[in-house]
Amino acid sequence: MSGPCRPGAASHHEEPPVTTIDVTGARTPEAAGVITGARERIDALDDRIIGLIQERVAVSAVIQEARIASGGRRVNLSREMDVLGHYREALGKPGTALAMTLLELCRGKI
């Protein structure tokens, strides 16, 4: 047996390098450049959003601690309804799901 199919033989066929166009799905280098730059901006925005969510969780914990210390309940349902409405008005139906996720992240951390 001879050639690259032989067991243990090194293949002379190498995969072509992955290009920015392949990674972005773009059909031109110009579009790939736009997509790459925009993705970098999205990544930076996501980092900021995550930081803000972490800050929101911390502030919510302060509120819950104060409410519980005063003899109240951990969760204030009327306030949660206000938050849901605010997100729904600003972002539509998906905003409600986003607000529910935020509220879930902020509950029960005490």
PDB file of N, CA and C in Angstrom:
ATOM      1  N   MET A   1       0.848  -1.167   0.000  1.00  0.00           N
ATOM      2  CA  MET A   1       0.000   0.000   0.000  1.00  0.00           C
ATOM      3  C   MET A   1       0.892   1.229   0.000  1.00  0.00           C
ATOM      4  N   SER A   2       0.587   2.217  -0.819  1.00  0.00           N
ATOM      5  CA  SER A   2       1.397   3.426  -0.865  1.00  0.00           C
ATOM      6  C   SER A   2       0.489   4.641  -0.944  1.00  0.00           C
ATOM      7  N   GLY A   3       1.093   5.830  -0.740  1.00  0.00           N
ATOM      8  CA  GLY A   3       0.322   7.068  -0.855  1.00  0.00           C
ATOM      9  C   GLY A   3      -0.187   7.531   0.496  1.00  0.00           C
ATOM     10  N   PRO A   4      -0.905   8.646   0.530  1.00  0.00           N
ATOM     11  CA  PRO A   4      -1.356   9.248   1.773  1.00  0.00           C
ATOM     12  C   PRO A   4      -2.431   8.449   2.500  1.00  0.00           C
ATOM     13  N   CYS A   5      -3.039   7.452   1.875  1.00  0.00           N
ATOM     14  CA  CYS A   5      -4.073   6.669   2.534  1.00  0.00           C
ATOM     15  C   CYS A   5      -3.490   5.590   3.427  1.00  0.00           C
ATOM     16  N   ARG A   6      -2.189   5.346   3.299  1.00  0.00           N
ATOM     17  CA  ARG A   6      -1.545   4.316   4.093  1.00  0.00           C
ATOM     18  C   ARG A   6      -1.598   4.689   5.567  1.00  0.00           C
ATOM     19  N   PRO A   7      -1.965   3.741   6.443  1.00  0.00           N
ATOM     20  CA  PRO A   7      -2.014   4.039   7.874  1.00  0.00           C
ATOM     21  C   PRO A   7      -0.675   4.533   8.363  1.00  0.00           C
ATOM     22  N   GLY A   8      -0.714   5.605   9.159  1.00  0.00           N
ATOM     23  CA  GLY A   8       0.487   6.169   9.745  1.00  0.00           C
ATOM     24  C   GLY A   8       1.223   7.128   8.830  1.00  0.00           C
ATOM     25  N   ALA A   9       0.814   7.209   7.583  1.00  0.00           N
ATOM     26  CA  ALA A   9       1.489   8.112   6.657  1.00  0.00           C
ATOM     27  C   ALA A   9       0.942   9.521   6.827  1.00  0.00           C
ATOM     28  N   ALA A  10       1.817  10.487   6.707  1.00  0.00           N
ATOM     29  CA  ALA A  10       1.395  11.877   6.810  1.00  0.00           C
ATOM     30  C   ALA A  10       0.655  12.266   5.552  1.00  0.00           C
ATOM     31  N   SER A  11      -0.395  12.994   5.721  1.00  0.00           N
ATOM     32  CA  SER A  11      -1.175  13.463   4.584  1.00  0.00           C
ATOM     33  C   SER A  11      -0.507  14.696   3.994  1.00  0.00           C
ATOM     34  N   HIS A  12      -0.433  14.734   2.691  1.00  0.00           N
ATOM     35  CA  HIS A  12       0.124  15.898   2.030  1.00  0.00           C
ATOM     36  C   HIS A  12      -0.966  16.912   1.719  1.00  0.00           C
ATOM     37  N   HIS A  13      -2.206  16.549   2.005  1.00  0.00           N
ATOM     38  CA  HIS A  13      -3.333  17.451   1.784  1.00  0.00           C
ATOM     39  C   HIS A  13      -3.612  18.216   3.068  1.00  0.00           C
ATOM     40  N   GLU A  14      -3.422  19.508   3.019  1.00  0.00           N
ATOM     41  CA  GLU A  14      -3.685  20.329   4.198  1.00  0.00           C
ATOM     42  C   GLU A  14      -4.922  21.168   3.947  1.00  0.00           C
ATOM     43  N   GLU A  15      -5.686  21.407   5.028  1.00  0.00           N
ATOM     44  CA  GLU A  15      -6.857  22.258   4.917  1.00  0.00           C
ATOM     45  C   GLU A  15      -6.398  23.687   4.671  1.00  0.00           C
ATOM     46  N   PRO A  16      -7.116  24.414   3.834  1.00  0.00           N
ATOM     47  CA  PRO A  16      -6.734  25.815   3.629  1.00  0.00           C
ATOM     48  C   PRO A  16      -6.974  26.600   4.921  1.00  0.00           C
ATOM     49  N   PRO A  17      -6.205  27.652   5.135  1.00  0.00           N
ATOM     50  CA  PRO A  17      -6.395  28.433   6.359  1.00  0.00           C
ATOM     51  C   PRO A  17      -7.788  29.070   6.385  1.00  0.00           C
ATOM     52  N   VAL A  18      -8.328  29.190   7.582  1.00  0.00           N
ATOM     53  CA  VAL A  18      -9.624  29.825   7.728  1.00  0.00           C
ATOM     54  C   VAL A  18      -9.431  31.321   7.543  1.00  0.00           C
ATOM     55  N   THR A  19     -10.227  31.912   6.701  1.00  0.00           N
ATOM     56  CA  THR A  19     -10.123  33.347   6.456  1.00  0.00           C
ATOM     57  C   THR A  19     -11.238  34.080   7.173  1.00  0.00           C
ATOM     58  N   THR A  20     -11.077  35.392   7.260  1.00  0.00           N
ATOM     59  CA  THR A  20     -12.112  36.222   7.874  1.00  0.00           C
ATOM     60  C   THR A  20     -13.422  36.049   7.128  1.00  0.00           C
ATOM     61  N   ILE A  21     -13.352  35.903   5.831  1.00  0.00           N
ATOM     62  CA  ILE A  21     -14.569  35.727   5.037  1.00  0.00           C
ATOM     63  C   ILE A  21     -15.279  34.438   5.468  1.00  0.00           C
ATOM     64  N   ASP A  22     -14.520  33.346   5.697  1.00  0.00           N
ATOM     65  CA  ASP A  22     -15.127  32.094   6.130  1.00  0.00           C
ATOM     66  C   ASP A  22     -15.795  32.250   7.493  1.00  0.00           C
ATOM     67  N   VAL A  23     -15.155  32.944   8.395  1.00  0.00           N
ATOM     68  CA  VAL A  23     -15.648  33.103   9.763  1.00  0.00           C
ATOM     69  C   VAL A  23     -16.902  33.966   9.804  1.00  0.00           C
ATOM     70  N   THR A  24     -16.970  34.990   8.964  1.00  0.00           N
ATOM     71  CA  THR A  24     -18.089  35.922   9.002  1.00  0.00           C
ATOM     72  C   THR A  24     -19.271  35.489   8.149  1.00  0.00           C
ATOM     73  N   GLY A  25     -19.022  34.632   7.184  1.00  0.00           N
ATOM     74  CA  GLY A  25     -20.078  34.250   6.247  1.00  0.00           C
ATOM     75  C   GLY A  25     -20.242  35.257   5.121  1.00  0.00           C
ATOM     76  N   ALA A  26     -19.386  36.270   5.098  1.00  0.00           N
ATOM     77  CA  ALA A  26     -19.466  37.299   4.066  1.00  0.00           C
ATOM     78  C   ALA A  26     -18.953  36.761   2.741  1.00  0.00           C
ATOM     79  N   ARG A  27     -19.319  37.416   1.676  1.00  0.00           N
ATOM     80  CA  ARG A  27     -18.889  37.007   0.335  1.00  0.00           C
ATOM     81  C   ARG A  27     -17.775  37.891  -0.223  1.00  0.00           C
ATOM     82  N   THR A  28     -17.496  39.011   0.461  1.00  0.00           N
ATOM     83  CA  THR A  28     -16.418  39.890   0.001  1.00  0.00           C
ATOM     84  C   THR A  28     -15.557  40.295   1.193  1.00  0.00           C
ATOM     85  N   PRO A  29     -14.298  40.632   0.933  1.00  0.00           N
ATOM     86  CA  PRO A  29     -13.432  41.100   2.024  1.00  0.00           C
ATOM     87  C   PRO A  29     -13.979  42.376   2.685  1.00  0.00           C
ATOM     88  N   GLU A  30     -14.609  43.233   1.885  1.00  0.00           N
ATOM     89  CA  GLU A  30     -15.160  44.474   2.439  1.00  0.00           C
ATOM     90  C   GLU A  30     -16.264  44.161   3.450  1.00  0.00           C
ATOM     91  N   ALA A  31     -17.176  43.282   3.090  1.00  0.00           N
ATOM     92  CA  ALA A  31     -18.263  42.905   4.001  1.00  0.00           C
ATOM     93  C   ALA A  31     -17.700  42.199   5.231  1.00  0.00           C
ATOM     94  N   ALA A  32     -16.679  41.363   5.027  1.00  0.00           N
ATOM     95  CA  ALA A  32     -16.061  40.666   6.156  1.00  0.00           C
ATOM     96  C   ALA A  32     -15.460  41.671   7.133  1.00  0.00           C
ATOM     97  N   GLY A  33     -14.853  42.733   6.605  1.00  0.00           N
ATOM     98  CA  GLY A  33     -14.292  43.771   7.466  1.00  0.00           C
ATOM     99  C   GLY A  33     -15.360  44.486   8.269  1.00  0.00           C
ATOM    100  N   VAL A  34     -16.484  44.813   7.628  1.00  0.00           N
ATOM    101  CA  VAL A  34     -17.591  45.469   8.326  1.00  0.00           C
ATOM    102  C   VAL A  34     -18.126  44.554   9.423  1.00  0.00           C
ATOM    103  N   ILE A  35     -18.330  43.290   9.102  1.00  0.00           N
ATOM    104  CA  ILE A  35     -18.874  42.326  10.060  1.00  0.00           C
ATOM    105  C   ILE A  35     -17.919  42.138  11.236  1.00  0.00           C
ATOM    106  N   THR A  36     -16.636  42.003  10.941  1.00  0.00           N
ATOM    107  CA  THR A  36     -15.649  41.813  12.009  1.00  0.00           C
ATOM    108  C   THR A  36     -15.644  43.010  12.960  1.00  0.00           C
ATOM    109  N   GLY A  37     -15.656  44.206  12.417  1.00  0.00           N
ATOM    110  CA  GLY A  37     -15.686  45.409  13.250  1.00  0.00           C
ATOM    111  C   GLY A  37     -16.959  45.503  14.074  1.00  0.00           C
ATOM    112  N   ALA A  38     -18.088  45.198  13.456  1.00  0.00           N
ATOM    113  CA  ALA A  38     -19.370  45.257  14.168  1.00  0.00           C
ATOM    114  C   ALA A  38     -19.438  44.196  15.263  1.00  0.00           C
ATOM    115  N   ARG A  39     -18.883  43.030  14.999  1.00  0.00           N
ATOM    116  CA  ARG A  39     -18.870  41.984  16.032  1.00  0.00           C
ATOM    117  C   ARG A  39     -18.015  42.386  17.224  1.00  0.00           C
ATOM    118  N   GLU A  40     -16.909  43.061  16.954  1.00  0.00           N
ATOM    119  CA  GLU A  40     -16.070  43.555  18.055  1.00  0.00           C
ATOM    120  C   GLU A  40     -16.858  44.551  18.902  1.00  0.00           C
ATOM    121  N   ARG A  41     -17.634  45.400  18.256  1.00  0.00           N
ATOM    122  CA  ARG A  41     -18.468  46.370  18.992  1.00  0.00           C
ATOM    123  C   ARG A  41     -19.533  45.643  19.800  1.00  0.00           C
ATOM    124  N   ILE A  42     -20.161  44.625  19.204  1.00  0.00           N
ATOM    125  CA  ILE A  42     -21.169  43.836  19.929  1.00  0.00           C
ATOM    126  C   ILE A  42     -20.540  43.167  21.146  1.00  0.00           C
ATOM    127  N   ASP A  43     -19.348  42.603  20.990  1.00  0.00           N
ATOM    128  CA  ASP A  43     -18.667  41.967  22.124  1.00  0.00           C
ATOM    129  C   ASP A  43     -18.421  42.971  23.244  1.00  0.00           C
ATOM    130  N   ALA A  44     -18.014  44.192  22.884  1.00  0.00           N
ATOM    131  CA  ALA A  44     -17.791  45.233  23.890  1.00  0.00           C
ATOM    132  C   ALA A  44     -19.108  45.627  24.554  1.00  0.00           C
ATOM    133  N   LEU A  45     -20.173  45.752  23.761  1.00  0.00           N
ATOM    134  CA  LEU A  45     -21.488  46.065  24.325  1.00  0.00           C
ATOM    135  C   LEU A  45     -21.965  44.953  25.252  1.00  0.00           C
ATOM    136  N   ASP A  46     -21.770  43.710  24.844  1.00  0.00           N
ATOM    137  CA  ASP A  46     -22.161  42.580  25.698  1.00  0.00           C
ATOM    138  C   ASP A  46     -21.424  42.620  27.033  1.00  0.00           C
ATOM    139  N   ASP A  47     -20.140  42.959  27.000  1.00  0.00           N
ATOM    140  CA  ASP A  47     -19.384  43.067  28.249  1.00  0.00           C
ATOM    141  C   ASP A  47     -19.969  44.153  29.144  1.00  0.00           C
ATOM    142  N   ARG A  48     -20.349  45.283  28.548  1.00  0.00           N
ATOM    143  CA  ARG A  48     -20.969  46.358  29.333  1.00  0.00           C
ATOM    144  C   ARG A  48     -22.325  45.925  29.883  1.00  0.00           C
ATOM    145  N   ILE A  49     -23.127  45.253  29.056  1.00  0.00           N
ATOM    146  CA  ILE A  49     -24.442  44.782  29.497  1.00  0.00           C
ATOM    147  C   ILE A  49     -24.288  43.810  30.662  1.00  0.00           C
ATOM    148  N   ILE A  50     -23.353  42.878  30.545  1.00  0.00           N
ATOM    149  CA  ILE A  50     -23.112  41.917  31.629  1.00  0.00           C
ATOM    150  C   ILE A  50     -22.715  42.644  32.906  1.00  0.00           C
ATOM    151  N   GLY A  51     -21.853  43.645  32.791  1.00  0.00           N
ATOM    152  CA  GLY A  51     -21.459  44.431  33.954  1.00  0.00           C
ATOM    153  C   GLY A  51     -22.647  45.143  34.582  1.00  0.00           C
ATOM    154  N   LEU A  52     -23.516  45.699  33.756  1.00  0.00           N
ATOM    155  CA  LEU A  52     -24.709  46.381  34.273  1.00  0.00           C
ATOM    156  C   LEU A  52     -25.660  45.398  34.945  1.00  0.00           C
ATOM    157  N   ILE A  53     -25.787  44.214  34.379  1.00  0.00           N
ATOM    158  CA  ILE A  53     -26.645  43.200  35.003  1.00  0.00           C
ATOM    159  C   ILE A  53     -26.083  42.801  36.357  1.00  0.00           C
ATOM    160  N   GLN A  54     -24.764  42.617  36.423  1.00  0.00           N
ATOM    161  CA  GLN A  54     -24.146  42.280  37.707  1.00  0.00           C
ATOM    162  C   GLN A  54     -24.364  43.396  38.724  1.00  0.00           C
ATOM    163  N   GLU A  55     -24.297  44.632  38.282  1.00  0.00           N
ATOM    164  CA  GLU A  55     -24.561  45.765  39.174  1.00  0.00           C
ATOM    165  C   GLU A  55     -26.022  45.760  39.622  1.00  0.00           C
ATOM    166  N   ARG A  56     -26.942  45.459  38.699  1.00  0.00           N
ATOM    167  CA  ARG A  56     -28.367  45.393  39.039  1.00  0.00           C
ATOM    168  C   ARG A  56     -28.626  44.313  40.080  1.00  0.00           C
ATOM    169  N   VAL A  57     -27.989  43.157  39.918  1.00  0.00           N
ATOM    170  CA  VAL A  57     -28.133  42.065  40.891  1.00  0.00           C
ATOM    171  C   VAL A  57     -27.674  42.531  42.274  1.00  0.00           C
ATOM    172  N   ALA A  58     -26.547  43.243  42.338  1.00  0.00           N
ATOM    173  CA  ALA A  58     -26.026  43.722  43.622  1.00  0.00           C
ATOM    174  C   ALA A  58     -26.966  44.742  44.266  1.00  0.00           C
ATOM    175  N   VAL A  59     -27.502  45.668  43.478  1.00  0.00           N
ATOM    176  CA  VAL A  59     -28.427  46.668  44.009  1.00  0.00           C
ATOM    177  C   VAL A  59     -29.713  46.000  44.481  1.00  0.00           C
ATOM    178  N   SER A  60     -30.183  45.030  43.730  1.00  0.00           N
ATOM    179  CA  SER A  60     -31.386  44.292  44.125  1.00  0.00           C
ATOM    180  C   SER A  60     -31.168  43.572  45.453  1.00  0.00           C
ATOM    181  N   ALA A  61     -29.986  43.033  45.659  1.00  0.00           N
ATOM    182  CA  ALA A  61     -29.683  42.347  46.921  1.00  0.00           C
ATOM    183  C   ALA A  61     -29.756  43.328  48.091  1.00  0.00           C
ATOM    184  N   VAL A  62     -29.292  44.561  47.894  1.00  0.00           N
ATOM    185  CA  VAL A  62     -29.374  45.584  48.943  1.00  0.00           C
ATOM    186  C   VAL A  62     -30.837  45.862  49.282  1.00  0.00           C
ATOM    187  N   ILE A  63     -31.662  46.002  48.261  1.00  0.00           N
ATOM    188  CA  ILE A  63     -33.092  46.255  48.460  1.00  0.00           C
ATOM    189  C   ILE A  63     -33.741  45.098  49.210  1.00  0.00           C
ATOM    190  N   GLN A  64     -33.446  43.871  48.782  1.00  0.00           N
ATOM    191  CA  GLN A  64     -34.038  42.699  49.436  1.00  0.00           C
ATOM    192  C   GLN A  64     -33.618  42.617  50.906  1.00  0.00           C
ATOM    193  N   GLU A  65     -32.359  42.866  51.178  1.00  0.00           N
ATOM    194  CA  GLU A  65     -31.870  42.828  52.561  1.00  0.00           C
ATOM    195  C   GLU A  65     -32.605  43.853  53.423  1.00  0.00           C
ATOM    196  N   ALA A  66     -32.762  45.073  52.899  1.00  0.00           N
ATOM    197  CA  ALA A  66     -33.455  46.124  53.651  1.00  0.00           C
ATOM    198  C   ALA A  66     -34.915  45.760  53.875  1.00  0.00           C
ATOM    199  N   ARG A  67     -35.554  45.213  52.835  1.00  0.00           N
ATOM    200  CA  ARG A  67     -36.963  44.842  52.953  1.00  0.00           C
ATOM    201  C   ARG A  67     -37.139  43.732  53.986  1.00  0.00           C
ATOM    202  N   ILE A  68     -36.298  42.708  53.931  1.00  0.00           N
ATOM    203  CA  ILE A  68     -36.391  41.584  54.871  1.00  0.00           C
ATOM    204  C   ILE A  68     -36.074  42.049  56.288  1.00  0.00           C
ATOM    205  N   ALA A  69     -35.063  42.891  56.443  1.00  0.00           N
ATOM    206  CA  ALA A  69     -34.679  43.388  57.767  1.00  0.00           C
ATOM    207  C   ALA A  69     -35.808  44.197  58.413  1.00  0.00           C
ATOM    208  N   SER A  70     -36.636  44.809  57.566  1.00  0.00           N
ATOM    209  CA  SER A  70     -37.745  45.602  58.094  1.00  0.00           C
ATOM    210  C   SER A  70     -39.000  44.768  58.330  1.00  0.00           C
ATOM    211  N   GLY A  71     -38.887  43.467  58.087  1.00  0.00           N
ATOM    212  CA  GLY A  71     -40.032  42.587  58.292  1.00  0.00           C
ATOM    213  C   GLY A  71     -40.842  42.329  57.031  1.00  0.00           C
ATOM    214  N   GLY A  72     -40.372  42.830  55.897  1.00  0.00           N
ATOM    215  CA  GLY A  72     -41.087  42.634  54.634  1.00  0.00           C
ATOM    216  C   GLY A  72     -40.684  41.345  53.945  1.00  0.00           C
ATOM    217  N   ARG A  73     -41.260  41.145  52.790  1.00  0.00           N
ATOM    218  CA  ARG A  73     -40.957  39.960  51.985  1.00  0.00           C
ATOM    219  C   ARG A  73     -39.766  40.235  51.067  1.00  0.00           C
ATOM    220  N   ARG A  74     -39.140  39.173  50.647  1.00  0.00           N
ATOM    221  CA  ARG A  74     -37.970  39.293  49.759  1.00  0.00           C
ATOM    222  C   ARG A  74     -38.374  39.891  48.412  1.00  0.00           C
ATOM    223  N   VAL A  75     -39.530  39.520  47.891  1.00  0.00           N
ATOM    224  CA  VAL A  75     -39.972  39.946  46.567  1.00  0.00           C
ATOM    225  C   VAL A  75     -41.189  40.860  46.711  1.00  0.00           C
ATOM    226  N   ASN A  76     -41.189  41.936  45.918  1.00  0.00           N
ATOM    227  CA  ASN A  76     -42.319  42.857  45.866  1.00  0.00           C
ATOM    228  C   ASN A  76     -42.976  42.682  44.494  1.00  0.00           C
ATOM    229  N   LEU A  77     -44.082  41.951  44.447  1.00  0.00           N
ATOM    230  CA  LEU A  77     -44.699  41.597  43.168  1.00  0.00           C
ATOM    231  C   LEU A  77     -45.202  42.811  42.389  1.00  0.00           C
ATOM    232  N   SER A  78     -45.699  43.821  43.066  1.00  0.00           N
ATOM    233  CA  SER A  78     -46.180  44.996  42.320  1.00  0.00           C
ATOM    234  C   SER A  78     -45.008  45.710  41.645  1.00  0.00           C
ATOM    235  N   ARG A  79     -43.875  45.760  42.308  1.00  0.00           N
ATOM    236  CA  ARG A  79     -42.683  46.355  41.689  1.00  0.00           C
ATOM    237  C   ARG A  79     -42.236  45.528  40.491  1.00  0.00           C
ATOM    238  N   GLU A  80     -42.274  44.211  40.628  1.00  0.00           N
ATOM    239  CA  GLU A  80     -41.891  43.352  39.503  1.00  0.00           C
ATOM    240  C   GLU A  80     -42.815  43.569  38.308  1.00  0.00           C
ATOM    241  N   MET A  81     -44.092  43.770  38.567  1.00  0.00           N
ATOM    242  CA  MET A  81     -45.041  44.034  37.472  1.00  0.00           C
ATOM    243  C   MET A  81     -44.690  45.354  36.778  1.00  0.00           C
ATOM    244  N   ASP A  82     -44.278  46.371  37.559  1.00  0.00           N
ATOM    245  CA  ASP A  82     -43.842  47.641  36.974  1.00  0.00           C
ATOM    246  C   ASP A  82     -42.636  47.434  36.061  1.00  0.00           C
ATOM    247  N   VAL A  83     -41.675  46.631  36.536  1.00  0.00           N
ATOM    248  CA  VAL A  83     -40.469  46.359  35.744  1.00  0.00           C
ATOM    249  C   VAL A  83     -40.852  45.636  34.448  1.00  0.00           C
ATOM    250  N   LEU A  84     -41.710  44.631  34.546  1.00  0.00           N
ATOM    251  CA  LEU A  84     -42.161  43.901  33.349  1.00  0.00           C
ATOM    252  C   LEU A  84     -42.824  44.840  32.355  1.00  0.00           C
ATOM    253  N   GLY A  85     -43.685  45.716  32.852  1.00  0.00           N
ATOM    254  CA  GLY A  85     -44.370  46.675  31.977  1.00  0.00           C
ATOM    255  C   GLY A  85     -43.397  47.630  31.307  1.00  0.00           C
ATOM    256  N   HIS A  86     -42.423  48.079  32.054  1.00  0.00           N
ATOM    257  CA  HIS A  86     -41.421  49.010  31.515  1.00  0.00           C
ATOM    258  C   HIS A  86     -40.653  48.367  30.354  1.00  0.00           C
ATOM    259  N   TYR A  87     -40.198  47.156  30.548  1.00  0.00           N
ATOM    260  CA  TYR A  87     -39.461  46.453  29.494  1.00  0.00           C
ATOM    261  C   TYR A  87     -40.358  46.127  28.301  1.00  0.00           C
ATOM    262  N   ARG A  88     -41.595  45.741  28.557  1.00  0.00           N
ATOM    263  CA  ARG A  88     -42.534  45.428  27.473  1.00  0.00           C
ATOM    264  C   ARG A  88     -42.800  46.675  26.638  1.00  0.00           C
ATOM    265  N   GLU A  89     -43.008  47.822  27.294  1.00  0.00           N
ATOM    266  CA  GLU A  89     -43.259  49.064  26.555  1.00  0.00           C
ATOM    267  C   GLU A  89     -42.053  49.471  25.719  1.00  0.00           C
ATOM    268  N   ALA A  90     -40.856  49.277  26.253  1.00  0.00           N
ATOM    269  CA  ALA A  90     -39.643  49.696  25.549  1.00  0.00           C
ATOM    270  C   ALA A  90     -39.225  48.733  24.443  1.00  0.00           C
ATOM    271  N   LEU A  91     -39.448  47.419  24.663  1.00  0.00           N
ATOM    272  CA  LEU A  91     -38.886  46.421  23.750  1.00  0.00           C
ATOM    273  C   LEU A  91     -39.902  45.465  23.149  1.00  0.00           C
ATOM    274  N   GLY A  92     -41.164  45.636  23.476  1.00  0.00           N
ATOM    275  CA  GLY A  92     -42.181  44.723  22.963  1.00  0.00           C
ATOM    276  C   GLY A  92     -42.196  43.413  23.739  1.00  0.00           C
ATOM    277  N   LYS A  93     -42.859  42.428  23.174  1.00  0.00           N
ATOM    278  CA  LYS A  93     -43.022  41.145  23.856  1.00  0.00           C
ATOM    279  C   LYS A  93     -41.694  40.516  24.302  1.00  0.00           C
ATOM    280  N   PRO A  94     -40.636  40.551  23.471  1.00  0.00           N
ATOM    281  CA  PRO A  94     -39.356  39.993  23.939  1.00  0.00           C
ATOM    282  C   PRO A  94     -38.812  40.719  25.169  1.00  0.00           C
ATOM    283  N   GLY A  95     -39.186  41.979  25.346  1.00  0.00           N
ATOM    284  CA  GLY A  95     -38.765  42.721  26.523  1.00  0.00           C
ATOM    285  C   GLY A  95     -39.296  42.105  27.803  1.00  0.00           C
ATOM    286  N   THR A  96     -40.506  41.544  27.734  1.00  0.00           N
ATOM    287  CA  THR A  96     -41.075  40.884  28.904  1.00  0.00           C
ATOM    288  C   THR A  96     -40.226  39.682  29.301  1.00  0.00           C
ATOM    289  N   ALA A  97     -39.822  38.890  28.316  1.00  0.00           N
ATOM    290  CA  ALA A  97     -38.980  37.722  28.598  1.00  0.00           C
ATOM    291  C   ALA A  97     -37.627  38.155  29.159  1.00  0.00           C
ATOM    292  N   LEU A  98     -37.073  39.230  28.616  1.00  0.00           N
ATOM    293  CA  LEU A  98     -35.803  39.741  29.117  1.00  0.00           C
ATOM    294  C   LEU A  98     -35.952  40.202  30.565  1.00  0.00           C
ATOM    295  N   ALA A  99     -37.028  40.930  30.866  1.00  0.00           N
ATOM    296  CA  ALA A  99     -37.270  41.393  32.233  1.00  0.00           C
ATOM    297  C   ALA A  99     -37.456  40.217  33.185  1.00  0.00           C
ATOM    298  N   MET A 100     -38.153  39.188  32.745  1.00  0.00           N
ATOM    299  CA  MET A 100     -38.342  37.999  33.594  1.00  0.00           C
ATOM    300  C   MET A 100     -36.989  37.373  33.920  1.00  0.00           C
ATOM    301  N   THR A 101     -36.117  37.317  32.946  1.00  0.00           N
ATOM    302  CA  THR A 101     -34.775  36.754  33.184  1.00  0.00           C
ATOM    303  C   THR A 101     -34.002  37.624  34.175  1.00  0.00           C
ATOM    304  N   LEU A 102     -34.070  38.934  34.009  1.00  0.00           N
ATOM    305  CA  LEU A 102     -33.391  39.828  34.942  1.00  0.00           C
ATOM    306  C   LEU A 102     -33.948  39.666  36.362  1.00  0.00           C
ATOM    307  N   LEU A 103     -35.264  39.609  36.472  1.00  0.00           N
ATOM    308  CA  LEU A 103     -35.867  39.445  37.790  1.00  0.00           C
ATOM    309  C   LEU A 103     -35.455  38.121  38.421  1.00  0.00           C
ATOM    310  N   GLU A 104     -35.398  37.090  37.605  1.00  0.00           N
ATOM    311  CA  GLU A 104     -34.965  35.782  38.109  1.00  0.00           C
ATOM    312  C   GLU A 104     -33.525  35.837  38.609  1.00  0.00           C
ATOM    313  N   LEU A 105     -32.665  36.511  37.860  1.00  0.00           N
ATOM    314  CA  LEU A 105     -31.266  36.650  38.266  1.00  0.00           C
ATOM    315  C   LEU A 105     -31.150  37.407  39.593  1.00  0.00           C
ATOM    316  N   CYS A 106     -32.070  38.335  39.819  1.00  0.00           N
ATOM    317  CA  CYS A 106     -31.981  39.202  40.999  1.00  0.00           C
ATOM    318  C   CYS A 106     -32.681  38.633  42.240  1.00  0.00           C
ATOM    319  N   ARG A 107     -33.438  37.570  42.081  1.00  0.00           N
ATOM    320  CA  ARG A 107     -34.148  37.000  43.236  1.00  0.00           C
ATOM    321  C   ARG A 107     -33.289  36.021  43.991  1.00  0.00           C
ATOM    322  N   GLY A 108     -33.515  35.949  45.300  1.00  0.00           N
ATOM    323  CA  GLY A 108     -32.977  34.879  46.117  1.00  0.00           C
ATOM    324  C   GLY A 108     -31.483  34.834  46.291  1.00  0.00           C
ATOM    325  N   LYS A 109     -30.812  35.936  46.155  1.00  0.00           N
ATOM    326  CA  LYS A 109     -29.359  35.953  46.299  1.00  0.00           C
ATOM    327  C   LYS A 109     -28.938  36.155  47.748  1.00  0.00           C
ATOM    328  N   ILE A 110     -29.902  36.258  48.646  1.00  0.00           N
ATOM    329  CA  ILE A 110     -29.582  36.515  50.054  1.00  0.00           C
ATOM    330  C   ILE A 110     -29.522  35.204  50.805  1.00  0.00           C
TER     331      ILE A 110
END
